[in-house]
């Protein structure tokens, strides 16, 4: 799956969540609420990272770590679309900037 397909799939899942939210709460989550969800997912990810480093015990750790990383990616993809950020281009540009910063300087 290429980047656009990942982004499209994330938005299709977001649309389906929106349908459930409208049915249950009579409104969809806002961009800010989606960002708050990302913060919760990052907290969950941190607990799994701690487990991976041996300071917590978590059953089925590898599967849960994969899941949280994917949840975080989903939120980032959705937020990028909702804020009209071309994330693929932004990622490339940012990596170019980082690479240039890491290039060895003159002697």
Protein backbone atom coordinates (compact mmCIF):
# COMPACT_ATOMS: atom_id res chain seq x y z
CA UNK A 1 0.00 0.00 0.00
CA UNK A 2 1.45 3.40 -0.91
CA UNK A 3 1.18 6.54 1.21
CA UNK A 4 -1.97 7.84 -0.48
CA UNK A 5 -3.69 4.50 -0.07
CA UNK A 6 -2.78 4.46 3.64
CA UNK A 7 -4.17 7.97 4.02
CA UNK A 8 -7.34 7.14 2.08
CA UNK A 9 -7.92 4.02 4.19
CA UNK A 10 -7.41 6.02 7.40
CA UNK A 11 -10.00 8.55 6.24
CA UNK A 12 -12.48 5.81 5.34
CA UNK A 13 -12.17 4.42 8.86
CA UNK A 14 -12.52 7.98 10.22
CA UNK A 15 -15.73 8.38 8.18
CA UNK A 16 -17.11 5.19 9.69
CA UNK A 17 -16.20 6.33 13.21
CA UNK A 18 -17.99 9.59 12.41
CA UNK A 19 -21.16 7.69 11.56
CA UNK A 20 -21.03 5.90 14.92
CA UNK A 21 -20.32 9.15 16.75
CA UNK A 22 -23.29 10.89 15.11
CA UNK A 23 -25.56 7.96 16.01
CA UNK A 24 -24.37 7.85 19.61
CA UNK A 25 -23.51 11.48 20.44
CA UNK A 26 -25.29 13.39 17.63
CA UNK A 27 -21.98 14.82 16.45
CA UNK A 28 -18.58 13.73 15.19
CA UNK A 29 -15.37 14.19 17.11
CA UNK A 30 -13.63 17.49 16.38
CA UNK A 31 -10.05 17.72 15.15
CA UNK A 32 -9.06 18.62 18.68
CA UNK A 33 -10.73 15.53 20.10
CA UNK A 34 -8.97 13.36 17.55
CA UNK A 35 -5.69 14.98 18.64
CA UNK A 36 -6.59 14.23 22.27
CA UNK A 37 -7.14 10.61 21.23
CA UNK A 38 -3.63 10.62 19.76
CA UNK A 39 -2.26 11.82 23.10
CA UNK A 40 -4.00 8.90 24.83
CA UNK A 41 -2.57 6.50 22.24
CA UNK A 42 0.93 7.92 22.76
CA UNK A 43 0.50 7.32 26.51
CA UNK A 44 -0.50 3.72 25.79
CA UNK A 45 2.48 3.41 23.47
CA UNK A 46 4.79 4.70 26.21
CA UNK A 47 3.59 2.01 28.62
CA UNK A 48 4.36 -0.62 25.98
CA UNK A 49 7.80 0.88 25.32
CA UNK A 50 8.45 0.67 29.06
CA UNK A 51 7.35 -2.97 29.00
CA UNK A 52 9.69 -3.65 26.10
CA UNK A 53 12.55 -2.19 28.16
CA UNK A 54 11.63 -4.46 31.07
CA UNK A 55 10.06 -2.08 33.59
CA UNK A 56 6.48 -3.23 33.07
CA UNK A 57 4.88 -6.56 32.36
CA UNK A 58 2.41 -6.74 29.49
CA UNK A 59 0.92 -9.90 28.03
CA UNK A 60 1.08 -10.22 24.23
CA UNK A 61 3.46 -7.25 24.11
CA UNK A 62 4.53 -7.44 20.46
CA UNK A 63 0.94 -7.48 19.17
CA UNK A 64 -0.06 -4.61 21.45
CA UNK A 65 3.01 -2.57 20.44
CA UNK A 66 2.17 -3.04 16.75
CA UNK A 67 -1.42 -2.03 17.43
CA UNK A 68 -0.51 1.19 19.28
CA UNK A 69 2.02 2.23 16.66
CA UNK A 70 -0.65 1.71 14.00
CA UNK A 71 -3.21 3.65 16.09
CA UNK A 72 -0.78 6.57 16.36
CA UNK A 73 -0.09 6.48 12.62
CA UNK A 74 -3.84 6.44 11.92
CA UNK A 75 -4.37 9.54 14.06
CA UNK A 76 -1.49 11.38 12.39
CA UNK A 77 -2.77 10.50 8.91
CA UNK A 78 -6.29 11.65 9.79
CA UNK A 79 -5.13 14.87 11.43
CA UNK A 80 -2.94 15.69 8.43
CA UNK A 81 -5.95 15.36 6.13
CA UNK A 82 -8.24 17.32 8.43
CA UNK A 83 -5.68 20.15 8.65
CA UNK A 84 -4.99 19.93 4.90
CA UNK A 85 -1.32 19.05 5.36
CA UNK A 86 0.33 17.11 2.55
CA UNK A 87 1.99 14.76 4.99
CA UNK A 88 3.94 12.85 2.37
CA UNK A 89 5.57 16.04 1.10
CA UNK A 90 6.03 17.39 4.63
CA UNK A 91 7.74 14.15 5.64
CA UNK A 92 10.08 14.24 2.65
CA UNK A 93 10.92 17.90 3.26
CA UNK A 94 11.52 17.30 6.96
CA UNK A 95 13.77 14.30 6.27
CA UNK A 96 15.73 16.40 3.77
CA UNK A 97 16.15 19.14 6.39
CA UNK A 98 17.28 16.64 9.02
CA UNK A 99 19.66 14.98 6.61
CA UNK A 100 21.20 18.35 5.71
CA UNK A 101 21.58 19.18 9.39
CA UNK A 102 23.38 15.87 9.96
CA UNK A 103 25.74 16.28 7.01
CA UNK A 104 29.36 16.68 8.03
CA UNK A 105 30.43 20.29 8.01
CA UNK A 106 33.67 21.73 6.74
CA UNK A 107 36.66 20.46 8.54
